[in-house]
Amino acid sequence: MAWIATKYLLTAAVVVLVSELAKRSDRLGGLIAALPMVTVLTLIWLYLENQPQGKIANHAWYTFWYVVPTLPMFLAFPTLLPRLGFWLTLVACVMLTIVCFAGFAILVRRFGIELL
């Protein structure tokens, strides 16, 4: 139980750190948020929990493919925010990401990559 609590505390601390840095500096907050910290922490947790190398490698592989269709959201968000406000922009960007992901999954399936 202590191990799970430690994982939660460290992972939450990363999110809090990023949000606090973003308050002070847009650029630094963006840079730190763009780093794959959650993925790195997940890889560490999987390794420390003695998961097979194949499972750890698959996690990194699929993370790459799942990140690609999220990228348009980061371009749409600053464009939509002044027009729609925060909450509608957030909903629109989530919907955009879902559409991009579905289209991307169909596209990469032609190359033998199964995301769904």
Protein backbone atom coordinates (compact mmCIF):
# COMPACT_ATOMS: atom_id res chain seq x y z
CA MET A 1 0.00 0.00 0.00
CA ALA A 2 2.88 2.38 0.78
CA TRP A 3 4.26 1.79 -2.71
CA ILE A 4 0.98 2.84 -4.36
CA ALA A 5 0.78 5.93 -2.13
CA THR A 6 4.36 6.84 -3.10
CA LYS A 7 3.51 6.47 -6.79
CA TYR A 8 0.44 8.69 -6.40
CA LEU A 9 2.33 11.36 -4.45
CA LEU A 10 5.25 11.55 -6.88
CA THR A 11 3.02 11.55 -9.94
CA ALA A 12 0.73 14.21 -8.45
CA ALA A 13 3.76 16.28 -7.49
CA VAL A 14 4.83 16.38 -11.14
CA VAL A 15 1.41 17.72 -12.22
CA VAL A 16 1.42 20.33 -9.46
CA LEU A 17 4.98 21.36 -10.33
CA VAL A 18 4.06 21.87 -13.99
CA SER A 19 0.97 23.92 -13.15
CA GLU A 20 2.93 26.09 -10.70
CA LEU A 21 5.72 26.66 -13.23
CA ALA A 22 3.14 27.55 -15.89
CA LYS A 23 1.77 30.28 -13.62
CA ARG A 24 5.18 31.89 -13.48
CA SER A 25 6.36 31.39 -17.04
CA ASP A 26 4.31 30.39 -20.08
CA ARG A 27 7.39 29.19 -21.93
CA LEU A 28 8.91 27.24 -19.06
CA GLY A 29 5.54 25.73 -18.15
CA GLY A 30 4.99 24.71 -21.77
CA LEU A 31 8.48 23.25 -22.05
CA ILE A 32 8.13 21.20 -18.88
CA ALA A 33 4.59 20.09 -19.82
CA ALA A 34 5.84 18.99 -23.25
CA LEU A 35 8.39 16.68 -21.69
CA PRO A 36 7.02 13.16 -21.48
CA MET A 37 7.19 13.12 -17.67
CA VAL A 38 4.10 11.00 -17.16
CA THR A 39 5.40 8.47 -19.67
CA VAL A 40 8.84 8.45 -18.07
CA LEU A 41 7.29 7.94 -14.64
CA THR A 42 5.09 5.16 -16.02
CA LEU A 43 8.11 3.45 -17.58
CA ILE A 44 9.93 3.72 -14.25
CA TRP A 45 6.95 2.31 -12.33
CA LEU A 46 6.61 -0.58 -14.79
CA TYR A 47 10.33 -1.34 -14.53
CA LEU A 48 10.39 -1.16 -10.72
CA GLU A 49 7.36 -3.46 -10.61
CA ASN A 50 9.31 -6.04 -12.65
CA GLN A 51 7.11 -5.89 -15.74
CA PRO A 52 8.52 -7.68 -18.79
CA GLN A 53 10.67 -5.62 -21.15
CA GLY A 54 8.17 -6.27 -23.94
CA LYS A 55 5.39 -4.65 -21.92
CA ILE A 56 7.57 -1.61 -21.16
CA ALA A 57 8.63 -1.30 -24.80
CA ASN A 58 5.02 -1.62 -25.99
CA HIS A 59 3.99 1.17 -23.63
CA ALA A 60 6.59 3.51 -25.19
CA TRP A 61 5.61 2.39 -28.72
CA TYR A 62 1.90 3.02 -28.27
CA THR A 63 2.49 6.28 -26.41
CA PHE A 64 4.27 7.61 -29.50
CA TRP A 65 1.37 6.72 -31.77
CA TYR A 66 -1.23 8.10 -29.35
CA VAL A 67 0.57 11.44 -29.01
CA VAL A 68 0.55 12.24 -32.73
CA PRO A 69 -3.23 12.82 -33.08
CA THR A 70 -3.29 15.02 -29.97
CA LEU A 71 -0.99 17.63 -31.52
CA PRO A 72 -3.69 19.55 -33.47
CA MET A 73 -5.39 20.31 -30.14
CA PHE A 74 -2.41 22.43 -29.09
CA LEU A 75 -2.80 24.56 -32.20
CA ALA A 76 -6.59 24.82 -31.95
CA PHE A 77 -6.73 25.72 -28.26
CA PRO A 78 -5.09 29.18 -28.45
CA THR A 79 -7.08 29.98 -31.59
CA LEU A 80 -10.45 29.01 -30.11
CA LEU A 81 -9.95 30.32 -26.57
CA PRO A 82 -10.65 34.01 -27.25
CA ARG A 83 -13.68 33.09 -29.37
CA LEU A 84 -15.32 30.40 -27.26
CA GLY A 85 -14.05 30.83 -23.73
CA PHE A 86 -12.26 28.20 -21.69
CA TRP A 87 -14.85 25.46 -21.22
CA LEU A 88 -16.21 25.42 -24.76
CA THR A 89 -12.67 25.51 -26.11
CA LEU A 90 -11.74 22.58 -23.90
CA VAL A 91 -14.76 20.58 -25.07
CA ALA A 92 -14.08 21.48 -28.71
CA CYS A 93 -10.45 20.43 -28.37
CA VAL A 94 -11.41 17.12 -26.76
CA MET A 95 -13.81 16.49 -29.63
CA LEU A 96 -11.15 17.48 -32.16
CA THR A 97 -8.71 15.08 -30.54
CA ILE A 98 -11.24 12.24 -30.70
CA VAL A 99 -11.87 12.90 -34.40
CA CYS A 100 -8.14 13.18 -35.12
CA PHE A 101 -7.46 10.00 -33.19
CA ALA A 102 -10.15 8.04 -35.05
CA GLY A 103 -8.89 9.27 -38.42
CA PHE A 104 -5.28 8.62 -37.47
CA ALA A 105 -6.12 5.09 -36.27
CA ILE A 106 -7.78 4.34 -39.61
CA LEU A 107 -4.79 5.79 -41.49
CA VAL A 108 -2.08 3.88 -39.62
CA ARG A 109 -4.07 0.62 -39.76
CA ARG A 110 -3.14 0.56 -43.46
CA PHE A 111 0.50 0.27 -42.32
CA GLY A 112 -0.19 -2.56 -39.88
CA ILE A 113 -0.41 -0.42 -36.73
CA GLU A 114 -3.50 -1.27 -34.69
CA LEU A 115 -4.41 1.51 -32.24
CA LEU A 116 -8.04 0.58 -31.60
